[in-house]
Amino acid sequence: MLRFLMQRLLSLIPVLLTVAVVVFLILRLTPGDPAAVIAGNNATNEDIDRIREQLGLSEPLWTQFWIWFSGVLQGDLGYSFYLGKPVLELIGQRIEPTLSLAAGTM
């Protein structure tokens, strides 16, 4: 039983890596410029370039992925520009109702 459990846990690693790469690529390769969206309609090219530099969007795609993935491994899920809070804090605020709903459905 322990051997089976270890095999299942080890097989989870490539699946999680594949999902991480696919999700990252989907988010990065969608049309549009995230820096321009964050900057707004009245932004100058200098403002957009500054935001791109701050977010690391001027780096190559593989460098961006490595920065993001190493942050995720360290527990840094990033920052929500929409809500203005760290993502880990937002997850923490919603974990209790989510777990209670999951427990109730089981």
Protein backbone atom coordinates (compact mmCIF):
# COMPACT_ATOMS: atom_id res chain seq x y z
CA MET A 1 0.00 0.00 0.00
CA LEU A 2 2.82 2.39 0.87
CA ARG A 3 4.58 1.59 -2.39
CA PHE A 4 1.42 2.33 -4.36
CA LEU A 5 0.98 5.64 -2.56
CA MET A 6 4.59 6.64 -3.26
CA GLN A 7 4.21 5.76 -6.96
CA ARG A 8 1.08 7.91 -7.18
CA LEU A 9 2.78 10.84 -5.47
CA LEU A 10 5.80 10.59 -7.77
CA SER A 11 3.58 10.45 -10.84
CA LEU A 12 1.93 13.66 -9.66
CA ILE A 13 5.13 15.68 -10.18
CA PRO A 14 5.24 15.57 -14.01
CA VAL A 15 1.51 16.26 -14.18
CA LEU A 16 1.87 19.37 -12.00
CA LEU A 17 4.85 20.59 -14.02
CA THR A 18 2.95 20.12 -17.28
CA VAL A 19 -0.09 21.96 -15.95
CA ALA A 20 2.14 24.80 -14.68
CA VAL A 21 3.82 25.20 -18.09
CA VAL A 22 0.53 25.06 -20.01
CA VAL A 23 -1.23 27.58 -17.74
CA PHE A 24 1.77 29.92 -17.80
CA LEU A 25 1.94 29.80 -21.59
CA ILE A 26 -1.79 30.35 -21.98
CA LEU A 27 -1.61 33.43 -19.76
CA ARG A 28 1.50 34.85 -21.41
CA LEU A 29 0.65 34.15 -25.05
CA THR A 30 -2.87 35.59 -25.04
CA PRO A 31 -3.26 38.69 -27.19
CA GLY A 32 -2.88 42.07 -25.54
CA ASP A 33 -0.30 43.76 -23.39
CA PRO A 34 -0.82 43.40 -19.63
CA ALA A 35 1.36 46.46 -18.99
CA ALA A 36 -0.85 48.60 -21.22
CA VAL A 37 -3.98 47.34 -19.47
CA ILE A 38 -2.52 48.10 -16.03
CA ALA A 39 -1.29 51.52 -17.14
CA GLY A 40 -4.68 52.57 -18.48
CA ASN A 41 -5.82 54.50 -21.54
CA ASN A 42 -3.96 57.74 -20.82
CA ALA A 43 -0.54 56.14 -20.25
CA THR A 44 2.53 57.16 -22.19
CA ASN A 45 4.96 54.71 -23.76
CA GLU A 46 7.40 55.45 -20.94
CA ASP A 47 4.78 54.46 -18.35
CA ILE A 48 4.07 51.21 -20.17
CA ASP A 49 7.80 50.43 -20.50
CA ARG A 50 8.30 51.12 -16.77
CA ILE A 51 5.46 48.74 -15.85
CA ARG A 52 6.84 46.08 -18.22
CA GLU A 53 10.21 46.37 -16.49
CA GLN A 54 8.65 46.17 -13.01
CA LEU A 55 6.66 43.07 -13.92
CA GLY A 56 9.57 41.42 -15.71
CA LEU A 57 7.70 41.29 -19.01
CA SER A 58 10.77 42.50 -20.88
CA GLU A 59 12.59 39.27 -19.98
CA PRO A 60 12.55 36.19 -22.27
CA LEU A 61 9.62 33.82 -21.78
CA TRP A 62 11.69 31.08 -20.11
CA THR A 63 13.18 33.58 -17.66
CA GLN A 64 9.67 34.80 -16.83
CA PHE A 65 8.56 31.21 -16.23
CA TRP A 66 11.54 30.48 -13.98
CA ILE A 67 10.93 33.62 -11.90
CA TRP A 68 7.25 32.75 -11.54
CA PHE A 69 7.83 29.04 -10.81
CA SER A 70 10.57 29.66 -8.25
CA GLY A 71 8.26 32.13 -6.52
CA VAL A 72 5.46 29.55 -6.44
CA LEU A 73 7.83 26.96 -4.95
CA GLN A 74 8.70 29.47 -2.21
CA GLY A 75 5.03 30.19 -1.49
CA ASP A 76 4.92 33.54 -3.31
CA LEU A 77 1.87 33.34 -5.56
CA GLY A 78 2.15 36.94 -6.66
CA TYR A 79 0.05 40.06 -6.28
CA SER A 80 -3.47 40.77 -7.49
CA PHE A 81 -3.47 44.10 -9.30
CA TYR A 82 -7.26 43.95 -9.51
CA LEU A 83 -7.83 43.65 -5.75
CA GLY A 84 -4.56 45.19 -4.59
CA LYS A 85 -3.59 42.33 -2.27
CA PRO A 86 -1.20 39.35 -2.28
CA VAL A 87 -2.80 36.26 -3.84
CA LEU A 88 -1.89 34.07 -0.84
CA GLU A 89 -3.84 36.45 1.42
CA LEU A 90 -6.85 36.25 -0.89
CA ILE A 91 -6.72 32.44 -0.86
CA GLY A 92 -6.46 32.50 2.94
CA GLN A 93 -9.60 34.63 3.18
CA ARG A 94 -11.60 32.13 1.13
CA ILE A 95 -10.19 28.79 2.28
CA GLU A 96 -12.55 28.28 5.24
CA PRO A 97 -15.82 28.57 3.29
CA THR A 98 -14.35 26.44 0.50
CA LEU A 99 -13.32 23.66 2.89
CA SER A 100 -16.66 23.76 4.71
CA LEU A 101 -18.53 23.41 1.41
CA ALA A 102 -16.25 20.55 0.36
CA ALA A 103 -16.76 18.80 3.71
CA GLY A 104 -20.50 19.28 3.47
CA THR A 105 -20.66 17.71 0.02
CA MET A 106 -18.67 14.69 1.11
